[in-house]
mmCIF file of all heavy atoms, coordinates in Angstrom:
data_MODEL
# 
_entry.id   MODEL 
# 
loop_
_atom_site.group_PDB 
_atom_site.id 
_atom_site.type_symbol 
_atom_site.label_atom_id 
_atom_site.label_alt_id 
_atom_site.label_comp_id 
_atom_site.label_asym_id 
_atom_site.label_entity_id 
_atom_site.label_seq_id 
_atom_site.pdbx_PDB_ins_code 
_atom_site.Cartn_x 
_atom_site.Cartn_y 
_atom_site.Cartn_z 
_atom_site.occupancy 
_atom_site.B_iso_or_equiv 
_atom_site.pdbx_formal_charge 
_atom_site.auth_seq_id 
_atom_site.auth_comp_id 
_atom_site.auth_asym_id 
_atom_site.auth_atom_id 
_atom_site.pdbx_PDB_model_num 
ATOM 1   N N   . ALA A 1 1  ? 0.856  -1.228 -0.066 1.00 0.00 ? 1  ALA A N   1 
ATOM 2   C CA  . ALA A 1 1  ? -0.003 -0.015 -0.022 1.00 0.00 ? 1  ALA A CA  1 
ATOM 3   C C   . ALA A 1 1  ? 0.884  1.220  -0.021 1.00 0.00 ? 1  ALA A C   1 
ATOM 4   O O   . ALA A 1 1  ? 1.920  1.270  0.546  1.00 0.00 ? 1  ALA A O   1 
ATOM 5   C CB  . ALA A 1 1  ? -0.932 -0.013 1.167  1.00 0.00 ? 1  ALA A CB  1 
ATOM 6   N N   . PRO A 1 2  ? 0.463  2.272  -0.672 1.00 0.00 ? 2  PRO A N   1 
ATOM 7   C CA  . PRO A 1 2  ? 1.272  3.498  -0.717 1.00 0.00 ? 2  PRO A CA  1 
ATOM 8   C C   . PRO A 1 2  ? 1.362  4.078  0.687  1.00 0.00 ? 2  PRO A C   1 
ATOM 9   O O   . PRO A 1 2  ? 0.423  3.992  1.438  1.00 0.00 ? 2  PRO A O   1 
ATOM 10  C CB  . PRO A 1 2  ? 0.426  4.373  -1.672 1.00 0.00 ? 2  PRO A CB  1 
ATOM 11  C CG  . PRO A 1 2  ? -0.837 3.827  -1.930 1.00 0.00 ? 2  PRO A CG  1 
ATOM 12  C CD  . PRO A 1 2  ? -0.725 2.311  -1.486 1.00 0.00 ? 2  PRO A CD  1 
ATOM 13  N N   . VAL A 1 3  ? 2.459  4.803  0.883  1.00 0.00 ? 3  VAL A N   1 
ATOM 14  C CA  . VAL A 1 3  ? 2.661  5.397  2.314  1.00 0.00 ? 3  VAL A CA  1 
ATOM 15  C C   . VAL A 1 3  ? 2.035  6.692  2.331  1.00 0.00 ? 3  VAL A C   1 
ATOM 16  O O   . VAL A 1 3  ? 1.988  7.457  1.328  1.00 0.00 ? 3  VAL A O   1 
ATOM 17  C CB  . VAL A 1 3  ? 4.220  5.550  2.503  1.00 0.00 ? 3  VAL A CB  1 
ATOM 18  C CG1 . VAL A 1 3  ? 4.487  6.357  3.851  1.00 0.00 ? 3  VAL A CG1 1 
ATOM 19  C CG2 . VAL A 1 3  ? 4.915  4.266  2.413  1.00 0.00 ? 3  VAL A CG2 1 
ATOM 20  N N   . GLU A 1 4  ? 1.315  7.015  3.438  1.00 0.00 ? 4  GLU A N   1 
ATOM 21  C CA  . GLU A 1 4  ? 0.528  8.312  3.528  1.00 0.00 ? 4  GLU A CA  1 
ATOM 22  C C   . GLU A 1 4  ? 1.689  9.466  3.457  1.00 0.00 ? 4  GLU A C   1 
ATOM 23  O O   . GLU A 1 4  ? 2.769  9.306  3.901  1.00 0.00 ? 4  GLU A O   1 
ATOM 24  C CB  . GLU A 1 4  ? -0.213 8.371  4.785  1.00 0.00 ? 4  GLU A CB  1 
ATOM 25  C CG  . GLU A 1 4  ? -1.329 7.378  4.851  1.00 0.00 ? 4  GLU A CG  1 
ATOM 26  C CD  . GLU A 1 4  ? -2.473 7.804  3.870  1.00 0.00 ? 4  GLU A CD  1 
ATOM 27  O OE1 . GLU A 1 4  ? -2.714 8.998  3.728  1.00 0.00 ? 4  GLU A OE1 1 
ATOM 28  O OE2 . GLU A 1 4  ? -3.008 6.790  3.321  1.00 0.00 ? 4  GLU A OE2 1 
ATOM 29  N N   . ALA A 1 5  ? 1.286  10.584 3.020  1.00 0.00 ? 5  ALA A N   1 
ATOM 30  C CA  . ALA A 1 5  ? 2.180  11.785 2.891  1.00 0.00 ? 5  ALA A CA  1 
ATOM 31  C C   . ALA A 1 5  ? 2.743  12.146 4.216  1.00 0.00 ? 5  ALA A C   1 
ATOM 32  O O   . ALA A 1 5  ? 3.898  12.455 4.280  1.00 0.00 ? 5  ALA A O   1 
ATOM 33  C CB  . ALA A 1 5  ? 1.449  12.914 2.299  1.00 0.00 ? 5  ALA A CB  1 
ATOM 34  N N   . ASP A 1 6  ? 2.000  12.169 5.289  1.00 0.00 ? 6  ASP A N   1 
ATOM 35  C CA  . ASP A 1 6  ? 2.561  12.507 6.675  1.00 0.00 ? 6  ASP A CA  1 
ATOM 36  C C   . ASP A 1 6  ? 3.647  11.531 7.058  1.00 0.00 ? 6  ASP A C   1 
ATOM 37  O O   . ASP A 1 6  ? 4.704  11.870 7.652  1.00 0.00 ? 6  ASP A O   1 
ATOM 38  C CB  . ASP A 1 6  ? 1.439  12.605 7.697  1.00 0.00 ? 6  ASP A CB  1 
ATOM 39  C CG  . ASP A 1 6  ? 0.510  13.702 7.489  1.00 0.00 ? 6  ASP A CG  1 
ATOM 40  O OD1 . ASP A 1 6  ? 0.916  14.640 6.631  1.00 0.00 ? 6  ASP A OD1 1 
ATOM 41  O OD2 . ASP A 1 6  ? -0.652 13.678 7.940  1.00 0.00 ? 6  ASP A OD2 1 
ATOM 42  N N   . GLU A 1 7  ? 3.354  10.231 6.745  1.00 0.00 ? 7  GLU A N   1 
ATOM 43  C CA  . GLU A 1 7  ? 4.283  9.220  7.228  1.00 0.00 ? 7  GLU A CA  1 
ATOM 44  C C   . GLU A 1 7  ? 5.618  9.238  6.389  1.00 0.00 ? 7  GLU A C   1 
ATOM 45  O O   . GLU A 1 7  ? 6.671  9.098  6.835  1.00 0.00 ? 7  GLU A O   1 
ATOM 46  C CB  . GLU A 1 7  ? 3.697  7.845  7.041  1.00 0.00 ? 7  GLU A CB  1 
ATOM 47  C CG  . GLU A 1 7  ? 2.612  7.507  8.036  1.00 0.00 ? 7  GLU A CG  1 
ATOM 48  C CD  . GLU A 1 7  ? 1.879  6.207  7.558  1.00 0.00 ? 7  GLU A CD  1 
ATOM 49  O OE1 . GLU A 1 7  ? 2.549  5.361  6.982  1.00 0.00 ? 7  GLU A OE1 1 
ATOM 50  O OE2 . GLU A 1 7  ? 0.713  5.953  7.958  1.00 0.00 ? 7  GLU A OE2 1 
ATOM 51  N N   . ALA A 1 8  ? 5.514  9.633  5.152  1.00 0.00 ? 8  ALA A N   1 
ATOM 52  C CA  . ALA A 1 8  ? 6.543  9.786  4.269  1.00 0.00 ? 8  ALA A CA  1 
ATOM 53  C C   . ALA A 1 8  ? 7.532  10.861 4.581  1.00 0.00 ? 8  ALA A C   1 
ATOM 54  O O   . ALA A 1 8  ? 8.708  10.632 4.632  1.00 0.00 ? 8  ALA A O   1 
ATOM 55  C CB  . ALA A 1 8  ? 6.141  9.899  2.788  1.00 0.00 ? 8  ALA A CB  1 
ATOM 56  N N   . GLU A 1 9  ? 6.931  11.976 5.062  1.00 0.00 ? 9  GLU A N   1 
ATOM 57  C CA  . GLU A 1 9  ? 7.733  13.122 5.552  1.00 0.00 ? 9  GLU A CA  1 
ATOM 58  C C   . GLU A 1 9  ? 8.539  12.666 6.857  1.00 0.00 ? 9  GLU A C   1 
ATOM 59  O O   . GLU A 1 9  ? 9.670  13.196 7.019  1.00 0.00 ? 9  GLU A O   1 
ATOM 60  C CB  . GLU A 1 9  ? 6.967  14.335 5.687  1.00 0.00 ? 9  GLU A CB  1 
ATOM 61  C CG  . GLU A 1 9  ? 6.427  14.878 4.432  1.00 0.00 ? 9  GLU A CG  1 
ATOM 62  C CD  . GLU A 1 9  ? 5.510  16.133 4.651  1.00 0.00 ? 9  GLU A CD  1 
ATOM 63  O OE1 . GLU A 1 9  ? 5.384  16.614 5.746  1.00 0.00 ? 9  GLU A OE1 1 
ATOM 64  O OE2 . GLU A 1 9  ? 4.779  16.513 3.732  1.00 0.00 ? 9  GLU A OE2 1 
ATOM 65  N N   . ASP A 1 10 ? 7.870  12.082 7.744  1.00 0.00 ? 10 ASP A N   1 
ATOM 66  C CA  . ASP A 1 10 ? 8.564  11.660 8.952  1.00 0.00 ? 10 ASP A CA  1 
ATOM 67  C C   . ASP A 1 10 ? 9.766  10.688 8.708  1.00 0.00 ? 10 ASP A C   1 
ATOM 68  O O   . ASP A 1 10 ? 10.812 10.824 9.423  1.00 0.00 ? 10 ASP A O   1 
ATOM 69  C CB  . ASP A 1 10 ? 7.533  10.988 9.906  1.00 0.00 ? 10 ASP A CB  1 
ATOM 70  C CG  . ASP A 1 10 ? 6.455  11.963 10.359 1.00 0.00 ? 10 ASP A CG  1 
ATOM 71  O OD1 . ASP A 1 10 ? 6.742  13.195 10.271 1.00 0.00 ? 10 ASP A OD1 1 
ATOM 72  O OD2 . ASP A 1 10 ? 5.411  11.517 10.898 1.00 0.00 ? 10 ASP A OD2 1 
ATOM 73  N N   . GLU A 1 11 ? 9.708  9.821  7.734  1.00 0.00 ? 11 GLU A N   1 
ATOM 74  C CA  . GLU A 1 11 ? 10.637 8.889  7.451  1.00 0.00 ? 11 GLU A CA  1 
ATOM 75  C C   . GLU A 1 11 ? 11.833 9.472  6.689  1.00 0.00 ? 11 GLU A C   1 
ATOM 76  O O   . GLU A 1 11 ? 13.019 8.925  6.917  1.00 0.00 ? 11 GLU A O   1 
ATOM 77  C CB  . GLU A 1 11 ? 10.029 7.736  6.672  1.00 0.00 ? 11 GLU A CB  1 
ATOM 78  C CG  . GLU A 1 11 ? 9.060  6.900  7.532  1.00 0.00 ? 11 GLU A CG  1 
ATOM 79  C CD  . GLU A 1 11 ? 8.486  5.766  6.677  1.00 0.00 ? 11 GLU A CD  1 
ATOM 80  O OE1 . GLU A 1 11 ? 9.005  5.465  5.536  1.00 0.00 ? 11 GLU A OE1 1 
ATOM 81  O OE2 . GLU A 1 11 ? 7.456  5.175  7.143  1.00 0.00 ? 11 GLU A OE2 1 
ATOM 82  N N   . ARG A 1 12 ? 11.665 10.383 5.872  1.00 0.00 ? 12 ARG A N   1 
ATOM 83  C CA  . ARG A 1 12 ? 12.754 10.993 5.101  1.00 0.00 ? 12 ARG A CA  1 
ATOM 84  C C   . ARG A 1 12 ? 13.464 12.071 5.882  1.00 0.00 ? 12 ARG A C   1 
ATOM 85  O O   . ARG A 1 12 ? 12.884 12.885 6.559  1.00 0.00 ? 12 ARG A O   1 
ATOM 86  C CB  . ARG A 1 12 ? 12.230 11.612 3.770  1.00 0.00 ? 12 ARG A CB  1 
ATOM 87  C CG  . ARG A 1 12 ? 11.872 10.692 2.784  1.00 0.00 ? 12 ARG A CG  1 
ATOM 88  C CD  . ARG A 1 12 ? 11.493 11.372 1.405  1.00 0.00 ? 12 ARG A CD  1 
ATOM 89  N NE  . ARG A 1 12 ? 10.432 12.282 1.709  1.00 0.00 ? 12 ARG A NE  1 
ATOM 90  C CZ  . ARG A 1 12 ? 9.959  13.161 0.856  1.00 0.00 ? 12 ARG A CZ  1 
ATOM 91  N NH1 . ARG A 1 12 ? 10.556 13.282 -0.373 1.00 0.00 ? 12 ARG A NH1 1 
ATOM 92  N NH2 . ARG A 1 12 ? 9.028  14.015 1.151  1.00 0.00 ? 12 ARG A NH2 1 
ATOM 93  N N   . PRO A 1 13 ? 14.801 12.097 5.826  1.00 0.00 ? 13 PRO A N   1 
ATOM 94  C CA  . PRO A 1 13 ? 15.526 13.159 6.471  1.00 0.00 ? 13 PRO A CA  1 
ATOM 95  C C   . PRO A 1 13 ? 15.277 14.460 5.741  1.00 0.00 ? 13 PRO A C   1 
ATOM 96  O O   . PRO A 1 13 ? 15.173 14.576 4.518  1.00 0.00 ? 13 PRO A O   1 
ATOM 97  C CB  . PRO A 1 13 ? 17.031 12.769 6.389  1.00 0.00 ? 13 PRO A CB  1 
ATOM 98  C CG  . PRO A 1 13 ? 17.064 11.759 5.300  1.00 0.00 ? 13 PRO A CG  1 
ATOM 99  C CD  . PRO A 1 13 ? 15.671 11.176 5.138  1.00 0.00 ? 13 PRO A CD  1 
ATOM 100 N N   . ASN A 1 14 ? 15.168 15.544 6.589  1.00 0.00 ? 14 ASN A N   1 
ATOM 101 C CA  . ASN A 1 14 ? 14.997 16.832 5.993  1.00 0.00 ? 14 ASN A CA  1 
ATOM 102 C C   . ASN A 1 14 ? 16.387 17.451 5.650  1.00 0.00 ? 14 ASN A C   1 
ATOM 103 O O   . ASN A 1 14 ? 17.235 17.615 6.600  1.00 0.00 ? 14 ASN A O   1 
ATOM 104 C CB  . ASN A 1 14 ? 14.260 17.795 7.091  1.00 0.00 ? 14 ASN A CB  1 
ATOM 105 C CG  . ASN A 1 14 ? 13.894 19.105 6.555  1.00 0.00 ? 14 ASN A CG  1 
ATOM 106 O OD1 . ASN A 1 14 ? 14.357 19.517 5.527  1.00 0.00 ? 14 ASN A OD1 1 
ATOM 107 N ND2 . ASN A 1 14 ? 13.014 19.798 7.304  1.00 0.00 ? 14 ASN A ND2 1 
ATOM 108 N N   . PRO A 1 15 ? 16.662 17.824 4.424  1.00 0.00 ? 15 PRO A N   1 
ATOM 109 C CA  . PRO A 1 15 ? 17.987 18.371 4.119  1.00 0.00 ? 15 PRO A CA  1 
ATOM 110 C C   . PRO A 1 15 ? 18.189 19.724 4.714  1.00 0.00 ? 15 PRO A C   1 
ATOM 111 O O   . PRO A 1 15 ? 19.374 20.066 4.914  1.00 0.00 ? 15 PRO A O   1 
ATOM 112 C CB  . PRO A 1 15 ? 17.856 18.505 2.580  1.00 0.00 ? 15 PRO A CB  1 
ATOM 113 C CG  . PRO A 1 15 ? 16.346 18.594 2.310  1.00 0.00 ? 15 PRO A CG  1 
ATOM 114 C CD  . PRO A 1 15 ? 15.694 17.722 3.308  1.00 0.00 ? 15 PRO A CD  1 
ATOM 115 N N   . PHE A 1 16 ? 17.197 20.447 5.256  1.00 0.00 ? 16 PHE A N   1 
ATOM 116 C CA  . PHE A 1 16 ? 17.447 21.635 5.808  1.00 0.00 ? 16 PHE A CA  1 
ATOM 117 C C   . PHE A 1 16 ? 17.567 21.688 7.291  1.00 0.00 ? 16 PHE A C   1 
ATOM 118 O O   . PHE A 1 16 ? 17.887 22.579 7.979  1.00 0.00 ? 16 PHE A O   1 
ATOM 119 C CB  . PHE A 1 16 ? 16.227 22.643 5.501  1.00 0.00 ? 16 PHE A CB  1 
ATOM 120 C CG  . PHE A 1 16 ? 16.089 22.936 3.977  1.00 0.00 ? 16 PHE A CG  1 
ATOM 121 C CD1 . PHE A 1 16 ? 15.084 22.349 3.265  1.00 0.00 ? 16 PHE A CD1 1 
ATOM 122 C CD2 . PHE A 1 16 ? 16.908 23.707 3.420  1.00 0.00 ? 16 PHE A CD2 1 
ATOM 123 C CE1 . PHE A 1 16 ? 14.909 22.512 1.906  1.00 0.00 ? 16 PHE A CE1 1 
ATOM 124 C CE2 . PHE A 1 16 ? 16.913 23.918 2.027  1.00 0.00 ? 16 PHE A CE2 1 
ATOM 125 C CZ  . PHE A 1 16 ? 15.817 23.317 1.282  1.00 0.00 ? 16 PHE A CZ  1 
ATOM 126 N N   . ALA A 1 17 ? 17.434 20.451 7.908  1.00 0.00 ? 17 ALA A N   1 
ATOM 127 C CA  . ALA A 1 17 ? 17.543 20.230 9.310  1.00 0.00 ? 17 ALA A CA  1 
ATOM 128 C C   . ALA A 1 17 ? 19.022 20.500 9.691  1.00 0.00 ? 17 ALA A C   1 
ATOM 129 O O   . ALA A 1 17 ? 19.247 21.044 10.783 1.00 0.00 ? 17 ALA A O   1 
ATOM 130 C CB  . ALA A 1 17 ? 17.047 18.804 9.738  1.00 0.00 ? 17 ALA A CB  1 
ATOM 131 N N   . VAL A 1 18 ? 19.936 20.122 8.931  1.00 0.00 ? 18 VAL A N   1 
ATOM 132 C CA  . VAL A 1 18 ? 21.372 20.211 9.178  1.00 0.00 ? 18 VAL A CA  1 
ATOM 133 C C   . VAL A 1 18 ? 21.720 21.756 9.211  1.00 0.00 ? 18 VAL A C   1 
ATOM 134 O O   . VAL A 1 18 ? 22.424 22.261 9.996  1.00 0.00 ? 18 VAL A O   1 
ATOM 135 C CB  . VAL A 1 18 ? 22.266 19.473 8.146  1.00 0.00 ? 18 VAL A CB  1 
ATOM 136 C CG1 . VAL A 1 18 ? 23.727 19.891 8.389  1.00 0.00 ? 18 VAL A CG1 1 
ATOM 137 C CG2 . VAL A 1 18 ? 22.000 17.914 8.241  1.00 0.00 ? 18 VAL A CG2 1 
ATOM 138 N N   . LEU A 1 19 ? 21.146 22.446 8.168  1.00 0.00 ? 19 LEU A N   1 
ATOM 139 C CA  . LEU A 1 19 ? 21.338 23.970 8.166  1.00 0.00 ? 19 LEU A CA  1 
ATOM 140 C C   . LEU A 1 19 ? 20.767 24.612 9.408  1.00 0.00 ? 19 LEU A C   1 
ATOM 141 O O   . LEU A 1 19 ? 21.399 25.579 9.894  1.00 0.00 ? 19 LEU A O   1 
ATOM 142 C CB  . LEU A 1 19 ? 20.791 24.532 6.868  1.00 0.00 ? 19 LEU A CB  1 
ATOM 143 C CG  . LEU A 1 19 ? 21.474 24.033 5.559  1.00 0.00 ? 19 LEU A CG  1 
ATOM 144 C CD1 . LEU A 1 19 ? 20.698 24.613 4.400  1.00 0.00 ? 19 LEU A CD1 1 
ATOM 145 C CD2 . LEU A 1 19 ? 22.864 24.641 5.632  1.00 0.00 ? 19 LEU A CD2 1 
ATOM 146 N N   . GLN A 1 20 ? 19.533 24.153 9.846  1.00 0.00 ? 20 GLN A N   1 
ATOM 147 C CA  . GLN A 1 20 ? 18.933 24.756 10.971 1.00 0.00 ? 20 GLN A CA  1 
ATOM 148 C C   . GLN A 1 20 ? 19.733 24.538 12.212 1.00 0.00 ? 20 GLN A C   1 
ATOM 149 O O   . GLN A 1 20 ? 19.890 25.466 13.039 1.00 0.00 ? 20 GLN A O   1 
ATOM 150 C CB  . GLN A 1 20 ? 17.516 24.113 11.158 1.00 0.00 ? 20 GLN A CB  1 
ATOM 151 C CG  . GLN A 1 20 ? 16.747 24.871 12.300 1.00 0.00 ? 20 GLN A CG  1 
ATOM 152 C CD  . GLN A 1 20 ? 16.447 26.346 11.968 1.00 0.00 ? 20 GLN A CD  1 
ATOM 153 O OE1 . GLN A 1 20 ? 16.088 26.690 10.905 1.00 0.00 ? 20 GLN A OE1 1 
ATOM 154 N NE2 . GLN A 1 20 ? 16.572 27.196 12.977 1.00 0.00 ? 20 GLN A NE2 1 
ATOM 155 N N   . LYS A 1 21 ? 20.354 23.346 12.295 1.00 0.00 ? 21 LYS A N   1 
ATOM 156 C CA  . LYS A 1 21 ? 21.248 23.118 13.534 1.00 0.00 ? 21 LYS A CA  1 
ATOM 157 C C   . LYS A 1 21 ? 22.424 23.985 13.572 1.00 0.00 ? 21 LYS A C   1 
ATOM 158 O O   . LYS A 1 21 ? 22.860 24.595 14.538 1.00 0.00 ? 21 LYS A O   1 
ATOM 159 C CB  . LYS A 1 21 ? 21.585 21.674 13.446 1.00 0.00 ? 21 LYS A CB  1 
ATOM 160 C CG  . LYS A 1 21 ? 20.658 20.735 13.925 1.00 0.00 ? 21 LYS A CG  1 
ATOM 161 C CD  . LYS A 1 21 ? 21.286 19.261 13.914 1.00 0.00 ? 21 LYS A CD  1 
ATOM 162 C CE  . LYS A 1 21 ? 20.185 18.232 14.207 1.00 0.00 ? 21 LYS A CE  1 
ATOM 163 N NZ  . LYS A 1 21 ? 20.746 16.838 14.208 1.00 0.00 ? 21 LYS A NZ  1 
ATOM 164 N N   . LEU A 1 22 ? 23.138 24.289 12.306 1.00 0.00 ? 22 LEU A N   1 
ATOM 165 C CA  . LEU A 1 22 ? 24.225 25.165 12.282 1.00 0.00 ? 22 LEU A CA  1 
ATOM 166 C C   . LEU A 1 22 ? 23.752 26.554 12.597 1.00 0.00 ? 22 LEU A C   1 
ATOM 167 O O   . LEU A 1 22 ? 24.562 27.349 13.217 1.00 0.00 ? 22 LEU A O   1 
ATOM 168 C CB  . LEU A 1 22 ? 24.853 25.046 10.806 1.00 0.00 ? 22 LEU A CB  1 
ATOM 169 C CG  . LEU A 1 22 ? 25.627 23.750 10.486 1.00 0.00 ? 22 LEU A CG  1 
ATOM 170 C CD1 . LEU A 1 22 ? 25.918 23.844 9.008  1.00 0.00 ? 22 LEU A CD1 1 
ATOM 171 C CD2 . LEU A 1 22 ? 26.677 23.582 11.360 1.00 0.00 ? 22 LEU A CD2 1 
ATOM 172 N N   . LYS A 1 23 ? 22.553 27.018 12.079 1.00 0.00 ? 23 LYS A N   1 
ATOM 173 C CA  . LYS A 1 23 ? 22.150 28.384 12.354 1.00 0.00 ? 23 LYS A CA  1 
ATOM 174 C C   . LYS A 1 23 ? 21.893 28.570 13.884 1.00 0.00 ? 23 LYS A C   1 
ATOM 175 O O   . LYS A 1 23 ? 22.294 29.629 14.448 1.00 0.00 ? 23 LYS A O   1 
ATOM 176 C CB  . LYS A 1 23 ? 20.891 28.695 11.566 1.00 0.00 ? 23 LYS A CB  1 
ATOM 177 C CG  . LYS A 1 23 ? 20.385 30.035 11.762 1.00 0.00 ? 23 LYS A CG  1 
ATOM 178 C CD  . LYS A 1 23 ? 19.208 30.215 10.842 1.00 0.00 ? 23 LYS A CD  1 
ATOM 179 C CE  . LYS A 1 23 ? 18.633 31.627 11.001 1.00 0.00 ? 23 LYS A CE  1 
ATOM 180 N NZ  . LYS A 1 23 ? 17.467 31.862 10.316 1.00 0.00 ? 23 LYS A NZ  1 
ATOM 181 N N   . ASP A 1 24 ? 21.289 27.482 14.480 1.00 0.00 ? 24 ASP A N   1 
ATOM 182 C CA  . ASP A 1 24 ? 21.065 27.599 15.955 1.00 0.00 ? 24 ASP A CA  1 
ATOM 183 C C   . ASP A 1 24 ? 22.215 27.665 16.754 1.00 0.00 ? 24 ASP A C   1 
ATOM 184 O O   . ASP A 1 24 ? 22.277 28.199 17.820 1.00 0.00 ? 24 ASP A O   1 
ATOM 185 C CB  . ASP A 1 24 ? 20.126 26.397 16.401 1.00 0.00 ? 24 ASP A CB  1 
ATOM 186 C CG  . ASP A 1 24 ? 18.778 26.500 15.834 1.00 0.00 ? 24 ASP A CG  1 
ATOM 187 O OD1 . ASP A 1 24 ? 18.381 27.522 15.340 1.00 0.00 ? 24 ASP A OD1 1 
ATOM 188 O OD2 . ASP A 1 24 ? 18.066 25.358 15.788 1.00 0.00 ? 24 ASP A OD2 1 
# 
């Protein structure tokens, strides 16, 4: 069955998360 959109976003790493950590 196809993965729901919300579940798919939780499983994939966010490429901007690393940048946000550096900024913080």
